Amino acid sequence: MKPVKVLLVEDEVVTSIYLKMELTKIGCEVVNTLARGEDAIDAVDYIETGLILMDINLAGNIDGIEAARLIKEKMDMPVIFMTGYSDTFIQQRALSLNPLAFIVKPLNYLELKRIIENSFG
């Protein structure tokens, strides 16, 4: 499998470092790591990426769902949402954007690998 280029949007530094390490282990290339949804919206204009791994609760003024919605208005970019909260309202908002997946933290990396492999094979 050709490495999937991943834009990682996660505002917790330790989680971000660990996610980057785990994504690399499963054969992904993390092209950038950002903490704010606003930065992710700007980054898709100049960073070549095939997938966005988006936390829902982010630093900044907008959450990951709103950031993904605004990104999808620009281009059809696959998104996997991750969150520590499995609130029904949040989940419905996220699922309305047709993400590849909605994963509740702590992440199961075998599941994440399976989702990526099935989507990008």
PDB file of N, CA and C in Angstrom:
ATOM      1  N   MET A   1       0.845  -1.191   0.000  1.00  0.00           N
ATOM      2  CA  MET A   1       0.000   0.000   0.000  1.00  0.00           C
ATOM      3  C   MET A   1       0.885   1.247   0.000  1.00  0.00           C
ATOM      4  N   LYS A   2       0.603   2.173  -0.892  1.00  0.00           N
ATOM      5  CA  LYS A   2       1.302   3.451  -0.927  1.00  0.00           C
ATOM      6  C   LYS A   2       0.934   4.208   0.348  1.00  0.00           C
ATOM      7  N   PRO A   3       1.898   4.870   1.010  1.00  0.00           N
ATOM      8  CA  PRO A   3       1.564   5.578   2.254  1.00  0.00           C
ATOM      9  C   PRO A   3       0.471   6.625   2.049  1.00  0.00           C
ATOM     10  N   VAL A   4      -0.509   6.611   2.921  1.00  0.00           N
ATOM     11  CA  VAL A   4      -1.577   7.604   2.899  1.00  0.00           C
ATOM     12  C   VAL A   4      -1.050   8.847   3.597  1.00  0.00           C
ATOM     13  N   LYS A   5      -1.182   9.996   2.943  1.00  0.00           N
ATOM     14  CA  LYS A   5      -0.738  11.258   3.531  1.00  0.00           C
ATOM     15  C   LYS A   5      -1.843  11.786   4.435  1.00  0.00           C
ATOM     16  N   VAL A   6      -1.503  11.925   5.723  1.00  0.00           N
ATOM     17  CA  VAL A   6      -2.494  12.287   6.733  1.00  0.00           C
ATOM     18  C   VAL A   6      -2.198  13.665   7.311  1.00  0.00           C
ATOM     19  N   LEU A   7      -3.231  14.497   7.351  1.00  0.00           N
ATOM     20  CA  LEU A   7      -3.185  15.751   8.096  1.00  0.00           C
ATOM     21  C   LEU A   7      -3.815  15.446   9.445  1.00  0.00           C
ATOM     22  N   LEU A   8      -3.038  15.560  10.503  1.00  0.00           N
ATOM     23  CA  LEU A   8      -3.495  15.245  11.858  1.00  0.00           C
ATOM     24  C   LEU A   8      -3.881  16.542  12.562  1.00  0.00           C
ATOM     25  N   VAL A   9      -5.132  16.620  13.011  1.00  0.00           N
ATOM     26  CA  VAL A   9      -5.618  17.808  13.703  1.00  0.00           C
ATOM     27  C   VAL A   9      -6.021  17.377  15.116  1.00  0.00           C
ATOM     28  N   GLU A  10      -5.155  17.701  16.066  1.00  0.00           N
ATOM     29  CA  GLU A  10      -5.307  17.271  17.470  1.00  0.00           C
ATOM     30  C   GLU A  10      -4.630  18.323  18.335  1.00  0.00           C
ATOM     31  N   ASP A  11      -5.355  18.858  19.328  1.00  0.00           N
ATOM     32  CA  ASP A  11      -4.786  19.942  20.125  1.00  0.00           C
ATOM     33  C   ASP A  11      -4.044  19.493  21.381  1.00  0.00           C
ATOM     34  N   GLU A  12      -4.140  18.237  21.758  1.00  0.00           N
ATOM     35  CA  GLU A  12      -3.386  17.753  22.923  1.00  0.00           C
ATOM     36  C   GLU A  12      -2.040  17.241  22.433  1.00  0.00           C
ATOM     37  N   VAL A  13      -0.956  17.898  22.892  1.00  0.00           N
ATOM     38  CA  VAL A  13       0.381  17.634  22.364  1.00  0.00           C
ATOM     39  C   VAL A  13       0.801  16.174  22.542  1.00  0.00           C
ATOM     40  N   VAL A  14       0.616  15.625  23.722  1.00  0.00           N
ATOM     41  CA  VAL A  14       1.045  14.241  23.976  1.00  0.00           C
ATOM     42  C   VAL A  14       0.261  13.276  23.082  1.00  0.00           C
ATOM     43  N   THR A  15      -1.038  13.488  22.976  1.00  0.00           N
ATOM     44  CA  THR A  15      -1.873  12.645  22.113  1.00  0.00           C
ATOM     45  C   THR A  15      -1.424  12.770  20.661  1.00  0.00           C
ATOM     46  N   SER A  16      -1.123  13.982  20.242  1.00  0.00           N
ATOM     47  CA  SER A  16      -0.690  14.230  18.879  1.00  0.00           C
ATOM     48  C   SER A  16       0.610  13.491  18.561  1.00  0.00           C
ATOM     49  N   ILE A  17       1.560  13.554  19.457  1.00  0.00           N
ATOM     50  CA  ILE A  17       2.843  12.860  19.261  1.00  0.00           C
ATOM     51  C   ILE A  17       2.629  11.357  19.165  1.00  0.00           C
ATOM     52  N   TYR A  18       1.806  10.824  20.061  1.00  0.00           N
ATOM     53  CA  TYR A  18       1.539   9.384  20.065  1.00  0.00           C
ATOM     54  C   TYR A  18       0.800   8.963  18.786  1.00  0.00           C
ATOM     55  N   LEU A  19      -0.195   9.746  18.379  1.00  0.00           N
ATOM     56  CA  LEU A  19      -0.939   9.446  17.157  1.00  0.00           C
ATOM     57  C   LEU A  19      -0.019   9.439  15.938  1.00  0.00           C
ATOM     58  N   LYS A  20       0.859  10.425  15.859  1.00  0.00           N
ATOM     59  CA  LYS A  20       1.794  10.498  14.739  1.00  0.00           C
ATOM     60  C   LYS A  20       2.654   9.236  14.688  1.00  0.00           C
ATOM     61  N   MET A  21       3.136   8.800  15.846  1.00  0.00           N
ATOM     62  CA  MET A  21       3.963   7.591  15.932  1.00  0.00           C
ATOM     63  C   MET A  21       3.161   6.366  15.481  1.00  0.00           C
ATOM     64  N   GLU A  22       1.931   6.241  15.956  1.00  0.00           N
ATOM     65  CA  GLU A  22       1.104   5.084  15.607  1.00  0.00           C
ATOM     66  C   GLU A  22       0.707   5.097  14.131  1.00  0.00           C
ATOM     67  N   LEU A  23       0.397   6.263  13.597  1.00  0.00           N
ATOM     68  CA  LEU A  23       0.055   6.359  12.172  1.00  0.00           C
ATOM     69  C   LEU A  23       1.240   5.959  11.300  1.00  0.00           C
ATOM     70  N   THR A  24       2.432   6.362  11.700  1.00  0.00           N
ATOM     71  CA  THR A  24       3.644   5.991  10.970  1.00  0.00           C
ATOM     72  C   THR A  24       3.842   4.482  11.000  1.00  0.00           C
ATOM     73  N   LYS A  25       3.587   3.875  12.158  1.00  0.00           N
ATOM     74  CA  LYS A  25       3.722   2.418  12.294  1.00  0.00           C
ATOM     75  C   LYS A  25       2.791   1.665  11.351  1.00  0.00           C
ATOM     76  N   ILE A  26       1.605   2.212  11.105  1.00  0.00           N
ATOM     77  CA  ILE A  26       0.656   1.503  10.243  1.00  0.00           C
ATOM     78  C   ILE A  26       0.814   1.903   8.772  1.00  0.00           C
ATOM     79  N   GLY A  27       1.871   2.644   8.472  1.00  0.00           N
ATOM     80  CA  GLY A  27       2.196   2.923   7.076  1.00  0.00           C
ATOM     81  C   GLY A  27       1.697   4.238   6.521  1.00  0.00           C
ATOM     82  N   CYS A  28       1.283   5.149   7.396  1.00  0.00           N
ATOM     83  CA  CYS A  28       0.833   6.465   6.939  1.00  0.00           C
ATOM     84  C   CYS A  28       1.985   7.461   7.007  1.00  0.00           C
ATOM     85  N   GLU A  29       1.865   8.529   6.243  1.00  0.00           N
ATOM     86  CA  GLU A  29       2.814   9.632   6.298  1.00  0.00           C
ATOM     87  C   GLU A  29       2.071  10.837   6.855  1.00  0.00           C
ATOM     88  N   VAL A  30       2.431  11.272   8.063  1.00  0.00           N
ATOM     89  CA  VAL A  30       1.783  12.434   8.670  1.00  0.00           C
ATOM     90  C   VAL A  30       2.462  13.676   8.092  1.00  0.00           C
ATOM     91  N   VAL A  31       1.730  14.411   7.251  1.00  0.00           N
ATOM     92  CA  VAL A  31       2.316  15.545   6.543  1.00  0.00           C
ATOM     93  C   VAL A  31       2.329  16.821   7.380  1.00  0.00           C
ATOM     94  N   ASN A  32       1.465  16.899   8.370  1.00  0.00           N
ATOM     95  CA  ASN A  32       1.463  18.036   9.279  1.00  0.00           C
ATOM     96  C   ASN A  32       0.576  17.701  10.471  1.00  0.00           C
ATOM     97  N   THR A  33       0.862  18.359  11.592  1.00  0.00           N
ATOM     98  CA  THR A  33       0.061  18.223  12.794  1.00  0.00           C
ATOM     99  C   THR A  33      -0.357  19.620  13.228  1.00  0.00           C
ATOM    100  N   LEU A  34      -1.652  19.817  13.385  1.00  0.00           N
ATOM    101  CA  LEU A  34      -2.187  21.127  13.743  1.00  0.00           C
ATOM    102  C   LEU A  34      -3.087  20.999  14.964  1.00  0.00           C
ATOM    103  N   ALA A  35      -3.260  22.124  15.683  1.00  0.00           N
ATOM    104  CA  ALA A  35      -4.070  22.103  16.898  1.00  0.00           C
ATOM    105  C   ALA A  35      -5.394  22.846  16.756  1.00  0.00           C
ATOM    106  N   ARG A  36      -5.526  23.634  15.696  1.00  0.00           N
ATOM    107  CA  ARG A  36      -6.733  24.459  15.539  1.00  0.00           C
ATOM    108  C   ARG A  36      -7.442  24.152  14.223  1.00  0.00           C
ATOM    109  N   GLY A  37      -8.750  24.161  14.275  1.00  0.00           N
ATOM    110  CA  GLY A  37      -9.542  23.932  13.075  1.00  0.00           C
ATOM    111  C   GLY A  37      -9.284  24.976  12.006  1.00  0.00           C
ATOM    112  N   GLU A  38      -9.107  26.224  12.427  1.00  0.00           N
ATOM    113  CA  GLU A  38      -8.837  27.305  11.477  1.00  0.00           C
ATOM    114  C   GLU A  38      -7.563  27.022  10.677  1.00  0.00           C
ATOM    115  N   ASP A  39      -6.548  26.492  11.366  1.00  0.00           N
ATOM    116  CA  ASP A  39      -5.283  26.182  10.691  1.00  0.00           C
ATOM    117  C   ASP A  39      -5.461  25.039   9.697  1.00  0.00           C
ATOM    118  N   ALA A  40      -6.296  24.075  10.039  1.00  0.00           N
ATOM    119  CA  ALA A  40      -6.558  22.949   9.128  1.00  0.00           C
ATOM    120  C   ALA A  40      -7.257  23.432   7.861  1.00  0.00           C
ATOM    121  N   ILE A  41      -8.191  24.353   8.007  1.00  0.00           N
ATOM    122  CA  ILE A  41      -8.900  24.902   6.843  1.00  0.00           C
ATOM    123  C   ILE A  41      -7.907  25.565   5.897  1.00  0.00           C
ATOM    124  N   ASP A  42      -6.985  26.340   6.450  1.00  0.00           N
ATOM    125  CA  ASP A  42      -5.964  27.004   5.628  1.00  0.00           C
ATOM    126  C   ASP A  42      -4.990  25.994   5.032  1.00  0.00           C
ATOM    127  N   ALA A  43      -4.605  24.984   5.817  1.00  0.00           N
ATOM    128  CA  ALA A  43      -3.558  24.039   5.405  1.00  0.00           C
ATOM    129  C   ALA A  43      -3.935  23.214   4.184  1.00  0.00           C
ATOM    130  N   VAL A  44      -5.205  22.885   4.026  1.00  0.00           N
ATOM    131  CA  VAL A  44      -5.581  22.036   2.886  1.00  0.00           C
ATOM    132  C   VAL A  44      -5.344  22.725   1.547  1.00  0.00           C
ATOM    133  N   ASP A  45      -5.158  24.038   1.569  1.00  0.00           N
ATOM    134  CA  ASP A  45      -4.859  24.767   0.335  1.00  0.00           C
ATOM    135  C   ASP A  45      -3.418  24.552  -0.128  1.00  0.00           C
ATOM    136  N   TYR A  46      -2.512  24.237   0.797  1.00  0.00           N
ATOM    137  CA  TYR A  46      -1.101  24.136   0.415  1.00  0.00           C
ATOM    138  C   TYR A  46      -0.403  22.846   0.862  1.00  0.00           C
ATOM    139  N   ILE A  47      -1.075  21.994   1.579  1.00  0.00           N
ATOM    140  CA  ILE A  47      -0.480  20.731   2.014  1.00  0.00           C
ATOM    141  C   ILE A  47      -1.151  19.595   1.252  1.00  0.00           C
ATOM    142  N   GLU A  48      -0.351  18.776   0.611  1.00  0.00           N
ATOM    143  CA  GLU A  48      -0.891  17.621  -0.106  1.00  0.00           C
ATOM    144  C   GLU A  48      -1.252  16.545   0.915  1.00  0.00           C
ATOM    145  N   THR A  49      -2.514  16.216   0.992  1.00  0.00           N
ATOM    146  CA  THR A  49      -2.977  15.230   1.960  1.00  0.00           C
ATOM    147  C   THR A  49      -4.074  14.372   1.335  1.00  0.00           C
ATOM    148  N   GLY A  50      -4.168  13.137   1.817  1.00  0.00           N
ATOM    149  CA  GLY A  50      -5.195  12.242   1.316  1.00  0.00           C
ATOM    150  C   GLY A  50      -6.282  11.964   2.332  1.00  0.00           C
ATOM    151  N   LEU A  51      -6.009  12.337   3.599  1.00  0.00           N
ATOM    152  CA  LEU A  51      -6.919  12.022   4.689  1.00  0.00           C
ATOM    153  C   LEU A  51      -6.698  13.014   5.815  1.00  0.00           C
ATOM    154  N   ILE A  52      -7.780  13.409   6.457  1.00  0.00           N
ATOM    155  CA  ILE A  52      -7.671  14.238   7.656  1.00  0.00           C
ATOM    156  C   ILE A  52      -8.151  13.400   8.836  1.00  0.00           C
ATOM    157  N   LEU A  53      -7.297  13.280   9.834  1.00  0.00           N
ATOM    158  CA  LEU A  53      -7.674  12.661  11.106  1.00  0.00           C
ATOM    159  C   LEU A  53      -7.948  13.817  12.050  1.00  0.00           C
ATOM    160  N   MET A  54      -9.232  14.046  12.353  1.00  0.00           N
ATOM    161  CA  MET A  54      -9.688  15.268  12.997  1.00  0.00           C
ATOM    162  C   MET A  54     -10.291  15.005  14.373  1.00  0.00           C
ATOM    163  N   ASP A  55      -9.662  15.598  15.387  1.00  0.00           N
ATOM    164  CA  ASP A  55     -10.272  15.584  16.714  1.00  0.00           C
ATOM    165  C   ASP A  55     -11.464  16.542  16.659  1.00  0.00           C
ATOM    166  N   ILE A  56     -12.455  16.312  17.480  1.00  0.00           N
ATOM    167  CA  ILE A  56     -13.625  17.184  17.453  1.00  0.00           C
ATOM    168  C   ILE A  56     -13.439  18.402  18.351  1.00  0.00           C
ATOM    169  N   ASN A  57     -12.901  18.199  19.539  1.00  0.00           N
ATOM    170  CA  ASN A  57     -12.659  19.327  20.436  1.00  0.00           C
ATOM    171  C   ASN A  57     -11.244  19.846  20.203  1.00  0.00           C
ATOM    172  N   LEU A  58     -11.159  21.070  19.700  1.00  0.00           N
ATOM    173  CA  LEU A  58      -9.869  21.641  19.318  1.00  0.00           C
ATOM    174  C   LEU A  58      -9.648  22.987  19.991  1.00  0.00           C
ATOM    175  N   ALA A  59      -8.390  23.421  19.979  1.00  0.00           N
ATOM    176  CA  ALA A  59      -8.075  24.788  20.372  1.00  0.00           C
ATOM    177  C   ALA A  59      -8.640  25.699  19.277  1.00  0.00           C
ATOM    178  N   GLY A  60      -8.825  26.957  19.579  1.00  0.00           N
ATOM    179  CA  GLY A  60      -9.326  27.881  18.567  1.00  0.00           C
ATOM    180  C   GLY A  60     -10.819  28.116  18.712  1.00  0.00           C
ATOM    181  N   ASN A  61     -11.383  28.763  17.718  1.00  0.00           N
ATOM    182  CA  ASN A  61     -12.774  29.204  17.803  1.00  0.00           C
ATOM    183  C   ASN A  61     -13.798  28.242  17.220  1.00  0.00           C
ATOM    184  N   ILE A  62     -13.345  27.256  16.457  1.00  0.00           N
ATOM    185  CA  ILE A  62     -14.295  26.305  15.878  1.00  0.00           C
ATOM    186  C   ILE A  62     -13.883  24.883  16.229  1.00  0.00           C
ATOM    187  N   ASP A  63     -14.864  24.003  16.258  1.00  0.00           N
ATOM    188  CA  ASP A  63     -14.543  22.606  16.563  1.00  0.00           C
ATOM    189  C   ASP A  63     -14.183  21.862  15.281  1.00  0.00           C
ATOM    190  N   GLY A  64     -13.775  20.623  15.434  1.00  0.00           N
ATOM    191  CA  GLY A  64     -13.350  19.819  14.297  1.00  0.00           C
ATOM    192  C   GLY A  64     -14.454  19.544  13.294  1.00  0.00           C
ATOM    193  N   ILE A  65     -15.689  19.477  13.765  1.00  0.00           N
ATOM    194  CA  ILE A  65     -16.810  19.223  12.855  1.00  0.00           C
ATOM    195  C   ILE A  65     -17.012  20.425  11.934  1.00  0.00           C
ATOM    196  N   GLU A  66     -16.995  21.611  12.512  1.00  0.00           N
ATOM    197  CA  GLU A  66     -17.156  22.821  11.699  1.00  0.00           C
ATOM    198  C   GLU A  66     -15.965  22.987  10.752  1.00  0.00           C
ATOM    199  N   ALA A  67     -14.761  22.695  11.231  1.00  0.00           N
ATOM    200  CA  ALA A  67     -13.580  22.776  10.362  1.00  0.00           C
ATOM    201  C   ALA A  67     -13.721  21.813   9.190  1.00  0.00           C
ATOM    202  N   ALA A  68     -14.152  20.591   9.463  1.00  0.00           N
ATOM    203  CA  ALA A  68     -14.321  19.607   8.391  1.00  0.00           C
ATOM    204  C   ALA A  68     -15.404  20.044   7.406  1.00  0.00           C
ATOM    205  N   ARG A  69     -16.473  20.627   7.906  1.00  0.00           N
ATOM    206  CA  ARG A  69     -17.542  21.115   7.024  1.00  0.00           C
ATOM    207  C   ARG A  69     -17.005  22.181   6.071  1.00  0.00           C
ATOM    208  N   LEU A  70     -16.219  23.110   6.608  1.00  0.00           N
ATOM    209  CA  LEU A  70     -15.670  24.184   5.783  1.00  0.00           C
ATOM    210  C   LEU A  70     -14.629  23.648   4.791  1.00  0.00           C
ATOM    211  N   ILE A  71     -13.867  22.650   5.201  1.00  0.00           N
ATOM    212  CA  ILE A  71     -12.909  22.020   4.287  1.00  0.00           C
ATOM    213  C   ILE A  71     -13.654  21.322   3.154  1.00  0.00           C
ATOM    214  N   LYS A  72     -14.722  20.599   3.509  1.00  0.00           N
ATOM    215  CA  LYS A  72     -15.492  19.881   2.485  1.00  0.00           C
ATOM    216  C   LYS A  72     -16.171  20.828   1.501  1.00  0.00           C
ATOM    217  N   GLU A  73     -16.419  22.073   1.906  1.00  0.00           N
ATOM    218  CA  GLU A  73     -16.949  23.066   0.969  1.00  0.00           C
ATOM    219  C   GLU A  73     -15.911  23.402  -0.098  1.00  0.00           C
ATOM    220  N   LYS A  74     -14.623  23.346   0.274  1.00  0.00           N
ATOM    221  CA  LYS A  74     -13.527  23.637  -0.658  1.00  0.00           C
ATOM    222  C   LYS A  74     -13.214  22.440  -1.544  1.00  0.00           C
ATOM    223  N   MET A  75     -13.142  21.255  -0.928  1.00  0.00           N
ATOM    224  CA  MET A  75     -12.749  20.045  -1.651  1.00  0.00           C
ATOM    225  C   MET A  75     -13.297  18.827  -0.932  1.00  0.00           C
ATOM    226  N   ASP A  76     -13.463  17.762  -1.665  1.00  0.00           N
ATOM    227  CA  ASP A  76     -13.994  16.534  -1.071  1.00  0.00           C
ATOM    228  C   ASP A  76     -12.842  15.763  -0.440  1.00  0.00           C
ATOM    229  N   MET A  77     -12.580  16.039   0.818  1.00  0.00           N
ATOM    230  CA  MET A  77     -11.463  15.457   1.535  1.00  0.00           C
ATOM    231  C   MET A  77     -11.973  14.419   2.540  1.00  0.00           C
ATOM    232  N   PRO A  78     -11.483  13.186   2.474  1.00  0.00           N
ATOM    233  CA  PRO A  78     -11.915  12.179   3.452  1.00  0.00           C
ATOM    234  C   PRO A  78     -11.489  12.563   4.866  1.00  0.00           C
ATOM    235  N   VAL A  79     -12.393  12.333   5.815  1.00  0.00           N
ATOM    236  CA  VAL A  79     -12.147  12.688   7.216  1.00  0.00           C
ATOM    237  C   VAL A  79     -12.490  11.499   8.106  1.00  0.00           C
ATOM    238  N   ILE A  80     -11.645  11.284   9.100  1.00  0.00           N
ATOM    239  CA  ILE A  80     -11.969  10.381  10.204  1.00  0.00           C
ATOM    240  C   ILE A  80     -12.042  11.266  11.443  1.00  0.00           C
ATOM    241  N   PHE A  81     -13.195  11.266  12.095  1.00  0.00           N
ATOM    242  CA  PHE A  81     -13.351  12.024  13.334  1.00  0.00           C
ATOM    243  C   PHE A  81     -12.948  11.164  14.514  1.00  0.00           C
ATOM    244  N   MET A  82     -12.351  11.815  15.510  1.00  0.00           N
ATOM    245  CA  MET A  82     -12.054  11.136  16.767  1.00  0.00           C
ATOM    246  C   MET A  82     -12.437  12.078  17.901  1.00  0.00           C
ATOM    247  N   THR A  83     -12.936  11.486  18.964  1.00  0.00           N
ATOM    248  CA  THR A  83     -13.360  12.302  20.096  1.00  0.00           C
ATOM    249  C   THR A  83     -13.343  11.489  21.379  1.00  0.00           C
ATOM    250  N   GLY A  84     -13.201  12.185  22.467  1.00  0.00           N
ATOM    251  CA  GLY A  84     -13.299  11.563  23.781  1.00  0.00           C
ATOM    252  C   GLY A  84     -14.733  11.560  24.284  1.00  0.00           C
ATOM    253  N   TYR A  85     -15.634  12.157  23.507  1.00  0.00           N
ATOM    254  CA  TYR A  85     -17.034  12.292  23.908  1.00  0.00           C
ATOM    255  C   TYR A  85     -17.933  11.594  22.899  1.00  0.00           C
ATOM    256  N   SER A  86     -18.795  10.729  23.387  1.00  0.00           N
ATOM    257  CA  SER A  86     -19.674  10.007  22.470  1.00  0.00           C
ATOM    258  C   SER A  86     -21.105  10.533  22.552  1.00  0.00           C
ATOM    259  N   ASP A  87     -21.251  11.818  22.825  1.00  0.00           N
ATOM    260  CA  ASP A  87     -22.536  12.486  22.886  1.00  0.00           C
ATOM    261  C   ASP A  87     -23.290  12.296  21.561  1.00  0.00           C
ATOM    262  N   THR A  88     -24.575  11.963  21.643  1.00  0.00           N
ATOM    263  CA  THR A  88     -25.379  11.680  20.453  1.00  0.00           C
ATOM    264  C   THR A  88     -25.458  12.869  19.513  1.00  0.00           C
ATOM    265  N   PHE A  89     -25.621  14.076  20.047  1.00  0.00           N
ATOM    266  CA  PHE A  89     -25.713  15.275  19.214  1.00  0.00           C
ATOM    267  C   PHE A  89     -24.413  15.490  18.437  1.00  0.00           C
ATOM    268  N   ILE A  90     -23.283  15.359  19.125  1.00  0.00           N
ATOM    269  CA  ILE A  90     -21.977  15.525  18.469  1.00  0.00           C
ATOM    270  C   ILE A  90     -21.816  14.467  17.375  1.00  0.00           C
ATOM    271  N   GLN A  91     -22.166  13.243  17.706  1.00  0.00           N
ATOM    272  CA  GLN A  91     -22.027  12.162  16.736  1.00  0.00           C
ATOM    273  C   GLN A  91     -22.902  12.421  15.509  1.00  0.00           C
ATOM    274  N   GLN A  92     -24.127  12.862  15.703  1.00  0.00           N
ATOM    275  CA  GLN A  92     -25.019  13.142  14.571  1.00  0.00           C
ATOM    276  C   GLN A  92     -24.468  14.270  13.703  1.00  0.00           C
ATOM    277  N   ARG A  93     -23.934  15.327  14.338  1.00  0.00           N
ATOM    278  CA  ARG A  93     -23.325  16.431  13.568  1.00  0.00           C
ATOM    279  C   ARG A  93     -22.175  15.909  12.718  1.00  0.00           C
ATOM    280  N   ALA A  94     -21.319  15.091  13.336  1.00  0.00           N
ATOM    281  CA  ALA A  94     -20.155  14.557  12.621  1.00  0.00           C
ATOM    282  C   ALA A  94     -20.587  13.633  11.490  1.00  0.00           C
ATOM    283  N   LEU A  95     -21.515  12.739  11.765  1.00  0.00           N
ATOM    284  CA  LEU A  95     -21.950  11.773  10.750  1.00  0.00           C
ATOM    285  C   LEU A  95     -22.677  12.432   9.577  1.00  0.00           C
ATOM    286  N   SER A  96     -23.232  13.621   9.793  1.00  0.00           N
ATOM    287  CA  SER A  96     -23.916  14.331   8.706  1.00  0.00           C
ATOM    288  C   SER A  96     -22.935  14.732   7.601  1.00  0.00           C
ATOM    289  N   LEU A  97     -21.634  14.710   7.894  1.00  0.00           N
ATOM    290  CA  LEU A  97     -20.612  15.051   6.894  1.00  0.00           C
ATOM    291  C   LEU A  97     -20.069  13.818   6.171  1.00  0.00           C
ATOM    292  N   ASN A  98     -20.653  12.662   6.441  1.00  0.00           N
ATOM    293  CA  ASN A  98     -20.235  11.408   5.808  1.00  0.00           C
ATOM    294  C   ASN A  98     -18.738  11.121   5.952  1.00  0.00           C
ATOM    295  N   PRO A  99     -18.245  11.080   7.185  1.00  0.00           N
ATOM    296  CA  PRO A  99     -16.828  10.778   7.379  1.00  0.00           C
ATOM    297  C   PRO A  99     -16.547   9.305   7.082  1.00  0.00           C
ATOM    298  N   LEU A 100     -15.269   8.978   6.923  1.00  0.00           N
ATOM    299  CA  LEU A 100     -14.893   7.568   6.778  1.00  0.00           C
ATOM    300  C   LEU A 100     -15.218   6.810   8.054  1.00  0.00           C
ATOM    301  N   ALA A 101     -15.072   7.510   9.196  1.00  0.00           N
ATOM    302  CA  ALA A 101     -15.356   6.865  10.484  1.00  0.00           C
ATOM    303  C   ALA A 101     -15.519   7.924  11.568  1.00  0.00           C
ATOM    304  N   PHE A 102     -16.146   7.503  12.649  1.00  0.00           N
ATOM    305  CA  PHE A 102     -16.295   8.299  13.869  1.00  0.00           C
ATOM    306  C   PHE A 102     -15.792   7.386  14.978  1.00  0.00           C
ATOM    307  N   ILE A 103     -14.646   7.719  15.552  1.00  0.00           N
ATOM    308  CA  ILE A 103     -14.002   6.841  16.525  1.00  0.00           C
ATOM    309  C   ILE A 103     -13.946   7.532  17.884  1.00  0.00           C
ATOM    310  N   VAL A 104     -14.336   6.802  18.916  1.00  0.00           N
ATOM    311  CA  VAL A 104     -14.272   7.328  20.277  1.00  0.00           C
ATOM    312  C   VAL A 104     -12.929   6.944  20.893  1.00  0.00           C
ATOM    313  N   LYS A 105     -12.278   7.942  21.509  1.00  0.00           N
ATOM    314  CA  LYS A 105     -10.999   7.704  22.180  1.00  0.00           C
ATOM    315  C   LYS A 105     -11.245   6.918  23.457  1.00  0.00           C
ATOM    316  N   PRO A 106     -10.308   6.127  23.905  1.00  0.00           N
ATOM    317  CA  PRO A 106      -8.994   5.903  23.318  1.00  0.00           C
ATOM    318  C   PRO A 106      -9.113   5.117  22.015  1.00  0.00           C
ATOM    319  N   LEU A 107      -8.288   5.500  21.047  1.00  0.00           N
ATOM    320  CA  LEU A 107      -8.357   4.880  19.727  1.00  0.00           C
ATOM    321  C   LEU A 107      -7.865   3.447  19.756  1.00  0.00           C
ATOM    322  N   ASN A 108      -8.514   2.629  18.974  1.00  0.00           N
ATOM    323  CA  ASN A 108      -8.066   1.269  18.726  1.00  0.00           C
ATOM    324  C   ASN A 108      -7.294   1.347  17.411  1.00  0.00           C
ATOM    325  N   TYR A 109      -5.961   1.195  17.479  1.00  0.00           N
ATOM    326  CA  TYR A 109      -5.128   1.413  16.298  1.00  0.00           C
ATOM    327  C   TYR A 109      -5.297   0.331  15.241  1.00  0.00           C
ATOM    328  N   LEU A 110      -5.682  -0.868  15.658  1.00  0.00           N
ATOM    329  CA  LEU A 110      -5.985  -1.906  14.671  1.00  0.00           C
ATOM    330  C   LEU A 110      -7.234  -1.531  13.883  1.00  0.00           C
ATOM    331  N   GLU A 111      -8.226  -0.977  14.568  1.00  0.00           N
ATOM    332  CA  GLU A 111      -9.437  -0.513  13.894  1.00  0.00           C
ATOM    333  C   GLU A 111      -9.115   0.638  12.947  1.00  0.00           C
ATOM    334  N   LEU A 112      -8.288   1.583  13.406  1.00  0.00           N
ATOM    335  CA  LEU A 112      -7.901   2.709  12.570  1.00  0.00           C
ATOM    336  C   LEU A 112      -7.160   2.224  11.325  1.00  0.00           C
ATOM    337  N   LYS A 113      -6.249   1.285  11.509  1.00  0.00           N
ATOM    338  CA  LYS A 113      -5.505   0.720  10.380  1.00  0.00           C
ATOM    339  C   LYS A 113      -6.464   0.060   9.391  1.00  0.00           C
ATOM    340  N   ARG A 114      -7.429  -0.711   9.889  1.00  0.00           N
ATOM    341  CA  ARG A 114      -8.411  -1.382   9.035  1.00  0.00           C
ATOM    342  C   ARG A 114      -9.225  -0.372   8.237  1.00  0.00           C
ATOM    343  N   ILE A 115      -9.662   0.699   8.887  1.00  0.00           N
ATOM    344  CA  ILE A 115     -10.447   1.741   8.207  1.00  0.00           C
ATOM    345  C   ILE A 115      -9.632   2.374   7.083  1.00  0.00           C
ATOM    346  N   ILE A 116      -8.378   2.696   7.381  1.00  0.00           N
ATOM    347  CA  ILE A 116      -7.518   3.331   6.371  1.00  0.00           C
ATOM    348  C   ILE A 116      -7.234   2.370   5.225  1.00  0.00           C
ATOM    349  N   GLU A 117      -6.896   1.122   5.549  1.00  0.00           N
ATOM    350  CA  GLU A 117      -6.617   0.148   4.503  1.00  0.00           C
ATOM    351  C   GLU A 117      -7.837  -0.121   3.621  1.00  0.00           C
ATOM    352  N   ASN A 118      -9.019  -0.211   4.238  1.00  0.00           N
ATOM    353  CA  ASN A 118     -10.234  -0.451   3.462  1.00  0.00           C
ATOM    354  C   ASN A 118     -10.605   0.742   2.590  1.00  0.00           C
ATOM    355  N   SER A 119     -10.236   1.941   3.033  1.00  0.00           N
ATOM    356  CA  SER A 119     -10.574   3.150   2.291  1.00  0.00           C
ATOM    357  C   SER A 119      -9.561   3.478   1.199  1.00  0.00           C
ATOM    358  N   PHE A 120      -8.301   3.118   1.437  1.00  0.00           N
ATOM    359  CA  PHE A 120      -7.240   3.526   0.507  1.00  0.00           C
ATOM    360  C   PHE A 120      -6.510   2.351  -0.114  1.00  0.00           C
ATOM    361  N   GLY A 121      -6.822   1.127   0.375  1.00  0.00           N
ATOM    362  CA  GLY A 121      -6.313  -0.150  -0.074  1.00  0.00           C
ATOM    363  C   GLY A 121      -5.085  -0.162  -0.833  1.00  0.00           C
TER     364      GLY A 121
END
